[in-house]
PDB file of N, CA and C in Angstrom:
ATOM      1  N   MET A   1       0.847  -1.146   0.000  1.00  0.00           N
ATOM      2  CA  MET A   1       0.000   0.000   0.000  1.00  0.00           C
ATOM      3  C   MET A   1       0.909   1.231   0.000  1.00  0.00           C
ATOM      4  N   ILE A   2       0.508   2.223  -0.722  1.00  0.00           N
ATOM      5  CA  ILE A   2       1.279   3.462  -0.785  1.00  0.00           C
ATOM      6  C   ILE A   2       0.695   4.459   0.222  1.00  0.00           C
ATOM      7  N   ILE A   3       1.578   5.032   1.052  1.00  0.00           N
ATOM      8  CA  ILE A   3       1.166   6.096   1.965  1.00  0.00           C
ATOM      9  C   ILE A   3       1.948   7.353   1.589  1.00  0.00           C
ATOM     10  N   THR A   4       1.349   8.496   1.830  1.00  0.00           N
ATOM     11  CA  THR A   4       2.005   9.770   1.552  1.00  0.00           C
ATOM     12  C   THR A   4       2.198  10.493   2.873  1.00  0.00           C
ATOM     13  N   VAL A   5       3.431  10.901   3.151  1.00  0.00           N
ATOM     14  CA  VAL A   5       3.752  11.620   4.384  1.00  0.00           C
ATOM     15  C   VAL A   5       4.568  12.855   4.042  1.00  0.00           C
ATOM     16  N   LYS A   6       4.526  13.836   4.933  1.00  0.00           N
ATOM     17  CA  LYS A   6       5.345  15.039   4.770  1.00  0.00           C
ATOM     18  C   LYS A   6       6.702  14.805   5.408  1.00  0.00           C
ATOM     19  N   GLU A   7       7.750  15.098   4.651  1.00  0.00           N
ATOM     20  CA  GLU A   7       9.112  15.024   5.180  1.00  0.00           C
ATOM     21  C   GLU A   7       9.286  16.225   6.100  1.00  0.00           C
ATOM     22  N   PRO A   8       9.682  16.019   7.377  1.00  0.00           N
ATOM     23  CA  PRO A   8       9.714  17.100   8.359  1.00  0.00           C
ATOM     24  C   PRO A   8      10.646  18.267   8.009  1.00  0.00           C
ATOM     25  N   ALA A   9      11.779  18.000   7.422  1.00  0.00           N
ATOM     26  CA  ALA A   9      12.743  19.076   7.151  1.00  0.00           C
ATOM     27  C   ALA A   9      12.322  19.947   5.970  1.00  0.00           C
ATOM     28  N   THR A  10      11.835  19.302   4.908  1.00  0.00           N
ATOM     29  CA  THR A  10      11.510  20.051   3.688  1.00  0.00           C
ATOM     30  C   THR A  10      10.017  20.278   3.500  1.00  0.00           C
ATOM     31  N   HIS A  11       9.197  19.585   4.269  1.00  0.00           N
ATOM     32  CA  HIS A  11       7.737  19.654   4.190  1.00  0.00           C
ATOM     33  C   HIS A  11       7.206  19.228   2.819  1.00  0.00           C
ATOM     34  N   THR A  12       7.966  18.425   2.110  1.00  0.00           N
ATOM     35  CA  THR A  12       7.507  17.901   0.836  1.00  0.00           C
ATOM     36  C   THR A  12       6.840  16.552   1.055  1.00  0.00           C
ATOM     37  N   ASP A  13       5.883  16.241   0.192  1.00  0.00           N
ATOM     38  CA  ASP A  13       5.213  14.947   0.265  1.00  0.00           C
ATOM     39  C   ASP A  13       6.134  13.859  -0.276  1.00  0.00           C
ATOM     40  N   ILE A  14       6.178  12.741   0.436  1.00  0.00           N
ATOM     41  CA  ILE A  14       6.963  11.587   0.009  1.00  0.00           C
ATOM     42  C   ILE A  14       6.028  10.386   0.000  1.00  0.00           C
ATOM     43  N   GLU A  15       6.057   9.642  -1.089  1.00  0.00           N
ATOM     44  CA  GLU A  15       5.280   8.409  -1.157  1.00  0.00           C
ATOM     45  C   GLU A  15       6.155   7.248  -0.721  1.00  0.00           C
ATOM     46  N   LEU A  16       5.634   6.468   0.215  1.00  0.00           N
ATOM     47  CA  LEU A  16       6.330   5.300   0.734  1.00  0.00           C
ATOM     48  C   LEU A  16       5.463   4.071   0.502  1.00  0.00           C
ATOM     49  N   ASP A  17       6.101   2.957   0.262  1.00  0.00           N
ATOM     50  CA  ASP A  17       5.394   1.694   0.131  1.00  0.00           C
ATOM     51  C   ASP A  17       5.425   1.017   1.499  1.00  0.00           C
ATOM     52  N   ALA A  18       4.256   0.716   2.038  1.00  0.00           N
ATOM     53  CA  ALA A  18       4.143   0.041   3.335  1.00  0.00           C
ATOM     54  C   ALA A  18       3.585  -1.354   3.096  1.00  0.00           C
ATOM     55  N   GLN A  19       4.362  -2.365   3.494  1.00  0.00           N
ATOM     56  CA  GLN A  19       3.950  -3.747   3.286  1.00  0.00           C
ATOM     57  C   GLN A  19       3.852  -4.455   4.634  1.00  0.00           C
ATOM     58  N   PRO A  20       2.724  -5.125   4.903  1.00  0.00           N
ATOM     59  CA  PRO A  20       2.603  -5.858   6.172  1.00  0.00           C
ATOM     60  C   PRO A  20       3.695  -6.910   6.275  1.00  0.00           C
ATOM     61  N   GLU A  21       4.223  -7.053   7.473  1.00  0.00           N
ATOM     62  CA  GLU A  21       5.286  -8.034   7.693  1.00  0.00           C
ATOM     63  C   GLU A  21       5.193  -8.582   9.108  1.00  0.00           C
ATOM     64  N   ASP A  22       5.345  -9.874   9.247  1.00  0.00           N
ATOM     65  CA  ASP A  22       5.397 -10.497  10.561  1.00  0.00           C
ATOM     66  C   ASP A  22       6.784 -10.233  11.139  1.00  0.00           C
ATOM     67  N   TYR A  23       6.834  -9.667  12.334  1.00  0.00           N
ATOM     68  CA  TYR A  23       8.113  -9.415  12.989  1.00  0.00           C
ATOM     69  C   TYR A  23       8.100 -10.135  14.326  1.00  0.00           C
ATOM     70  N   ASN A  24       8.714 -11.290  14.369  1.00  0.00           N
ATOM     71  CA  ASN A  24       8.761 -12.112  15.588  1.00  0.00           C
ATOM     72  C   ASN A  24       7.373 -12.320  16.186  1.00  0.00           C
ATOM     73  N   GLY A  25       6.413 -12.628  15.325  1.00  0.00           N
ATOM     74  CA  GLY A  25       5.059 -12.907  15.776  1.00  0.00           C
ATOM     75  C   GLY A  25       4.188 -11.688  15.965  1.00  0.00           C
ATOM     76  N   GLU A  26       4.690 -10.509  15.709  1.00  0.00           N
ATOM     77  CA  GLU A  26       3.914  -9.279  15.832  1.00  0.00           C
ATOM     78  C   GLU A  26       3.655  -8.708  14.453  1.00  0.00           C
ATOM     79  N   GLN A  27       2.507  -8.011  14.319  1.00  0.00           N
ATOM     80  CA  GLN A  27       2.185  -7.353  13.060  1.00  0.00           C
ATOM     81  C   GLN A  27       3.068  -6.125  12.909  1.00  0.00           C
ATOM     82  N   GLY A  28       3.880  -6.128  11.879  1.00  0.00           N
ATOM     83  CA  GLY A  28       4.739  -4.986  11.592  1.00  0.00           C
ATOM     84  C   GLY A  28       4.506  -4.491  10.185  1.00  0.00           C
ATOM     85  N   TRP A  29       5.179  -3.413   9.849  1.00  0.00           N
ATOM     86  CA  TRP A  29       5.097  -2.838   8.510  1.00  0.00           C
ATOM     87  C   TRP A  29       6.497  -2.574   8.005  1.00  0.00           C
ATOM     88  N   ARG A  30       6.809  -3.119   6.830  1.00  0.00           N
ATOM     89  CA  ARG A  30       8.076  -2.796   6.170  1.00  0.00           C
ATOM     90  C   ARG A  30       7.819  -1.547   5.352  1.00  0.00           C
ATOM     91  N   ILE A  31       8.580  -0.508   5.641  1.00  0.00           N
ATOM     92  CA  ILE A  31       8.459   0.777   4.964  1.00  0.00           C
ATOM     93  C   ILE A  31       9.590   0.877   3.948  1.00  0.00           C
ATOM     94  N   LEU A  32       9.230   1.059   2.679  1.00  0.00           N
ATOM     95  CA  LEU A  32      10.219   1.172   1.604  1.00  0.00           C
ATOM     96  C   LEU A  32      10.183   2.581   1.040  1.00  0.00           C
ATOM     97  N   SER A  33      11.346   3.215   0.996  1.00  0.00           N
ATOM     98  CA  SER A  33      11.449   4.557   0.426  1.00  0.00           C
ATOM     99  C   SER A  33      11.533   4.452  -1.088  1.00  0.00           C
ATOM    100  N   PRO A  34      11.367   5.572  -1.795  1.00  0.00           N
ATOM    101  CA  PRO A  34      11.522   5.544  -3.254  1.00  0.00           C
ATOM    102  C   PRO A  34      12.907   5.042  -3.686  1.00  0.00           C
ATOM    103  N   GLU A  35      13.916   5.216  -2.833  1.00  0.00           N
ATOM    104  CA  GLU A  35      15.274   4.739  -3.141  1.00  0.00           C
ATOM    105  C   GLU A  35      15.446   3.259  -2.799  1.00  0.00           C
ATOM    106  N   LYS A  36      14.370   2.623  -2.326  1.00  0.00           N
ATOM    107  CA  LYS A  36      14.341   1.203  -1.956  1.00  0.00           C
ATOM    108  C   LYS A  36      15.048   0.892  -0.642  1.00  0.00           C
ATOM    109  N   ASP A  37      15.379   1.923   0.158  1.00  0.00           N
ATOM    110  CA  ASP A  37      15.826   1.672   1.525  1.00  0.00           C
ATOM    111  C   ASP A  37      14.585   1.210   2.298  1.00  0.00           C
ATOM    112  N   SER A  38      14.785   0.400   3.337  1.00  0.00           N
ATOM    113  CA  SER A  38      13.616  -0.061   4.076  1.00  0.00           C
ATOM    114  C   SER A  38      13.935  -0.255   5.552  1.00  0.00           C
ATOM    115  N   PHE A  39      12.858  -0.278   6.339  1.00  0.00           N
ATOM    116  CA  PHE A  39      12.944  -0.572   7.761  1.00  0.00           C
ATOM    117  C   PHE A  39      11.592  -1.104   8.198  1.00  0.00           C
ATOM    118  N   VAL A  40      11.560  -1.767   9.349  1.00  0.00           N
ATOM    119  CA  VAL A  40      10.316  -2.344   9.875  1.00  0.00           C
ATOM    120  C   VAL A  40       9.882  -1.539  11.090  1.00  0.00           C
ATOM    121  N   MET A  41       8.567  -1.237  11.129  1.00  0.00           N
ATOM    122  CA  MET A  41       7.968  -0.558  12.272  1.00  0.00           C
ATOM    123  C   MET A  41       6.921  -1.480  12.892  1.00  0.00           C
ATOM    124  N   VAL A  42       6.851  -1.468  14.222  1.00  0.00           N
ATOM    125  CA  VAL A  42       5.848  -2.235  14.968  1.00  0.00           C
ATOM    126  C   VAL A  42       5.235  -1.288  15.991  1.00  0.00           C
ATOM    127  N   GLU A  43       3.908  -1.345  16.128  1.00  0.00           N
ATOM    128  CA  GLU A  43       3.223  -0.525  17.122  1.00  0.00           C
ATOM    129  C   GLU A  43       3.057  -1.323  18.406  1.00  0.00           C
ATOM    130  N   LYS A  44       3.522  -0.737  19.515  1.00  0.00           N
ATOM    131  CA  LYS A  44       3.369  -1.345  20.838  1.00  0.00           C
ATOM    132  C   LYS A  44       2.833  -0.285  21.782  1.00  0.00           C
ATOM    133  N   ASP A  45       1.680  -0.554  22.362  1.00  0.00           N
ATOM    134  CA  ASP A  45       1.059   0.364  23.317  1.00  0.00           C
ATOM    135  C   ASP A  45       0.929   1.771  22.752  1.00  0.00           C
ATOM    136  N   GLY A  46       0.539   1.869  21.480  1.00  0.00           N
ATOM    137  CA  GLY A  46       0.319   3.162  20.852  1.00  0.00           C
ATOM    138  C   GLY A  46       1.574   3.866  20.379  1.00  0.00           C
ATOM    139  N   GLN A  47       2.722   3.262  20.578  1.00  0.00           N
ATOM    140  CA  GLN A  47       4.016   3.853  20.186  1.00  0.00           C
ATOM    141  C   GLN A  47       4.597   3.067  19.021  1.00  0.00           C
ATOM    142  N   TRP A  48       4.964   3.757  17.944  1.00  0.00           N
ATOM    143  CA  TRP A  48       5.591   3.102  16.802  1.00  0.00           C
ATOM    144  C   TRP A  48       7.082   3.014  17.043  1.00  0.00           C
ATOM    145  N   ASN A  49       7.626   1.815  16.875  1.00  0.00           N
ATOM    146  CA  ASN A  49       9.048   1.576  17.094  1.00  0.00           C
ATOM    147  C   ASN A  49       9.684   1.011  15.835  1.00  0.00           C
ATOM    148  N   VAL A  50      10.897   1.479  15.531  1.00  0.00           N
ATOM    149  CA  VAL A  50      11.672   0.932  14.422  1.00  0.00           C
ATOM    150  C   VAL A  50      12.418  -0.276  14.954  1.00  0.00           C
ATOM    151  N   MET A  51      12.254  -1.402  14.288  1.00  0.00           N
ATOM    152  CA  MET A  51      12.834  -2.638  14.779  1.00  0.00           C
ATOM    153  C   MET A  51      14.229  -2.908  14.199  1.00  0.00           C
ATOM    154  N   ASP A  52      14.594  -2.185  13.155  1.00  0.00           N
ATOM    155  CA  ASP A  52      15.928  -2.301  12.575  1.00  0.00           C
ATOM    156  C   ASP A  52      16.854  -1.316  13.286  1.00  0.00           C
ATOM    157  N   ASP A  53      18.095  -1.323  12.928  1.00  0.00           N
ATOM    158  CA  ASP A  53      19.038  -0.366  13.506  1.00  0.00           C
ATOM    159  C   ASP A  53      19.049   0.949  12.737  1.00  0.00           C
ATOM    160  N   ALA A  54      17.954   1.280  12.091  1.00  0.00           N
ATOM    161  CA  ALA A  54      17.875   2.499  11.289  1.00  0.00           C
ATOM    162  C   ALA A  54      17.772   3.722  12.189  1.00  0.00           C
ATOM    163  N   ASP A  55      18.513   4.760  11.838  1.00  0.00           N
ATOM    164  CA  ASP A  55      18.464   6.040  12.553  1.00  0.00           C
ATOM    165  C   ASP A  55      17.570   6.975  11.745  1.00  0.00           C
ATOM    166  N   ILE A  56      16.321   7.128  12.199  1.00  0.00           N
ATOM    167  CA  ILE A  56      15.326   7.868  11.431  1.00  0.00           C
ATOM    168  C   ILE A  56      14.753   8.979  12.295  1.00  0.00           C
ATOM    169  N   ASN A  57      14.546  10.131  11.675  1.00  0.00           N
ATOM    170  CA  ASN A  57      14.003  11.305  12.349  1.00  0.00           C
ATOM    171  C   ASN A  57      12.695  10.932  13.055  1.00  0.00           C
ATOM    172  N   PRO A  58      12.584  11.179  14.368  1.00  0.00           N
ATOM    173  CA  PRO A  58      11.360  10.828  15.111  1.00  0.00           C
ATOM    174  C   PRO A  58      10.104  11.509  14.559  1.00  0.00           C
ATOM    175  N   GLU A  59      10.226  12.727  14.027  1.00  0.00           N
ATOM    176  CA  GLU A  59       9.068  13.405  13.446  1.00  0.00           C
ATOM    177  C   GLU A  59       8.589  12.667  12.196  1.00  0.00           C
ATOM    178  N   PHE A  60       9.537  12.144  11.428  1.00  0.00           N
ATOM    179  CA  PHE A  60       9.205  11.383  10.228  1.00  0.00           C
ATOM    180  C   PHE A  60       8.505  10.082  10.627  1.00  0.00           C
ATOM    181  N   LEU A  61       9.005   9.419  11.666  1.00  0.00           N
ATOM    182  CA  LEU A  61       8.373   8.197  12.157  1.00  0.00           C
ATOM    183  C   LEU A  61       6.957   8.468  12.643  1.00  0.00           C
ATOM    184  N   ASP A  62       6.761   9.604  13.303  1.00  0.00           N
ATOM    185  CA  ASP A  62       5.438   9.976  13.783  1.00  0.00           C
ATOM    186  C   ASP A  62       4.476  10.155  12.604  1.00  0.00           C
ATOM    187  N   ALA A  63       4.948  10.808  11.551  1.00  0.00           N
ATOM    188  CA  ALA A  63       4.116  11.009  10.360  1.00  0.00           C
ATOM    189  C   ALA A  63       3.756   9.668   9.717  1.00  0.00           C
ATOM    190  N   ILE A  64       4.710   8.758   9.652  1.00  0.00           N
ATOM    191  CA  ILE A  64       4.452   7.428   9.086  1.00  0.00           C
ATOM    192  C   ILE A  64       3.444   6.683   9.968  1.00  0.00           C
ATOM    193  N   GLY A  65       3.646   6.737  11.283  1.00  0.00           N
ATOM    194  CA  GLY A  65       2.729   6.072  12.211  1.00  0.00           C
ATOM    195  C   GLY A  65       1.307   6.584  12.078  1.00  0.00           C
ATOM    196  N   LYS A  66       1.152   7.894  11.912  1.00  0.00           N
ATOM    197  CA  LYS A  66      -0.187   8.469  11.735  1.00  0.00           C
ATOM    198  C   LYS A  66      -0.815   7.998  10.434  1.00  0.00           C
ATOM    199  N   ALA A  67      -0.009   7.862   9.386  1.00  0.00           N
ATOM    200  CA  ALA A  67      -0.529   7.374   8.100  1.00  0.00           C
ATOM    201  C   ALA A  67      -0.920   5.906   8.193  1.00  0.00           C
ATOM    202  N   LEU A  68      -0.192   5.132   8.987  1.00  0.00           N
ATOM    203  CA  LEU A  68      -0.467   3.702   9.128  1.00  0.00           C
ATOM    204  C   LEU A  68      -1.569   3.398  10.130  1.00  0.00           C
ATOM    205  N   HIS A  69      -1.817   4.284  11.050  1.00  0.00           N
ATOM    206  CA  HIS A  69      -2.700   3.998  12.181  1.00  0.00           C
ATOM    207  C   HIS A  69      -4.054   3.406  11.786  1.00  0.00           C
ATOM    208  N   PRO A  70      -4.802   4.011  10.868  1.00  0.00           N
ATOM    209  CA  PRO A  70      -6.115   3.413  10.549  1.00  0.00           C
ATOM    210  C   PRO A  70      -5.994   2.003   9.977  1.00  0.00           C
ATOM    211  N   VAL A  71      -5.028   1.773   9.130  1.00  0.00           N
ATOM    212  CA  VAL A  71      -4.852   0.456   8.512  1.00  0.00           C
ATOM    213  C   VAL A  71      -4.318  -0.533   9.529  1.00  0.00           C
ATOM    214  N   ALA A  72      -3.376  -0.119  10.350  1.00  0.00           N
ATOM    215  CA  ALA A  72      -2.798  -1.014  11.350  1.00  0.00           C
ATOM    216  C   ALA A  72      -3.863  -1.445  12.352  1.00  0.00           C
ATOM    217  N   ARG A  73      -4.716  -0.523  12.757  1.00  0.00           N
ATOM    218  CA  ARG A  73      -5.776  -0.864  13.706  1.00  0.00           C
ATOM    219  C   ARG A  73      -6.745  -1.851  13.073  1.00  0.00           C
ATOM    220  N   TYR A  74      -7.125  -1.626  11.818  1.00  0.00           N
ATOM    221  CA  TYR A  74      -8.034  -2.538  11.133  1.00  0.00           C
ATOM    222  C   TYR A  74      -7.407  -3.934  11.029  1.00  0.00           C
ATOM    223  N   ASN A  75      -6.153  -4.001  10.626  1.00  0.00           N
ATOM    224  CA  ASN A  75      -5.491  -5.297  10.491  1.00  0.00           C
ATOM    225  C   ASN A  75      -5.378  -6.001  11.826  1.00  0.00           C
ATOM    226  N   HIS A  76      -5.077  -5.239  12.880  1.00  0.00           N
ATOM    227  CA  HIS A  76      -4.946  -5.829  14.209  1.00  0.00           C
ATOM    228  C   HIS A  76      -6.294  -6.414  14.650  1.00  0.00           C
ATOM    229  N   LEU A  77      -7.367  -5.645  14.461  1.00  0.00           N
ATOM    230  CA  LEU A  77      -8.680  -6.127  14.885  1.00  0.00           C
ATOM    231  C   LEU A  77      -9.144  -7.298  14.044  1.00  0.00           C
ATOM    232  N   SER A  78      -8.912  -7.230  12.737  1.00  0.00           N
ATOM    233  CA  SER A  78      -9.371  -8.324  11.890  1.00  0.00           C
ATOM    234  C   SER A  78      -8.554  -9.582  12.133  1.00  0.00           C
ATOM    235  N   GLY A  79      -7.306  -9.425  12.550  1.00  0.00           N
ATOM    236  CA  GLY A  79      -6.465 -10.579  12.818  1.00  0.00           C
ATOM    237  C   GLY A  79      -6.789 -11.260  14.122  1.00  0.00           C
ATOM    238  N   SER A  80      -7.543 -10.574  14.993  1.00  0.00           N
ATOM    239  CA  SER A  80      -7.839 -11.165  16.301  1.00  0.00           C
ATOM    240  C   SER A  80      -9.203 -11.832  16.345  1.00  0.00           C
ATOM    241  N   GLU A  81      -9.932 -11.852  15.233  1.00  0.00           N
ATOM    242  CA  GLU A  81     -11.253 -12.470  15.228  1.00  0.00           C
ATOM    243  C   GLU A  81     -11.136 -13.960  15.543  1.00  0.00           C
ATOM    244  N   GLY A  82     -12.037 -14.415  16.336  1.00  0.00           N
ATOM    245  CA  GLY A  82     -12.078 -15.824  16.655  1.00  0.00           C
ATOM    246  C   GLY A  82     -11.113 -16.234  17.741  1.00  0.00           C
ATOM    247  N   VAL A  83     -10.485 -15.269  18.409  1.00  0.00           N
ATOM    248  CA  VAL A  83      -9.542 -15.593  19.482  1.00  0.00           C
ATOM    249  C   VAL A  83     -10.287 -15.705  20.776  1.00  0.00           C
TER     250      VAL A  83
END
């Protein structure tokens, strides 16, 4: 899925590809930049965390988390049906 976020330093829109990924049994998202760099984010207790050793601007991560939030919540709820 493509998400659009504002880059904090330049305030330009950037399109990122977000792909669901299992990260040690947790629902995560692999975020791919247009340059094909990538990292995995996992939401825990409302906080988005980068699971790789990537050094990424916290404001940028916040923007990505806000873009993912509606989809991540839907996937989390739909994945828990029948539990």
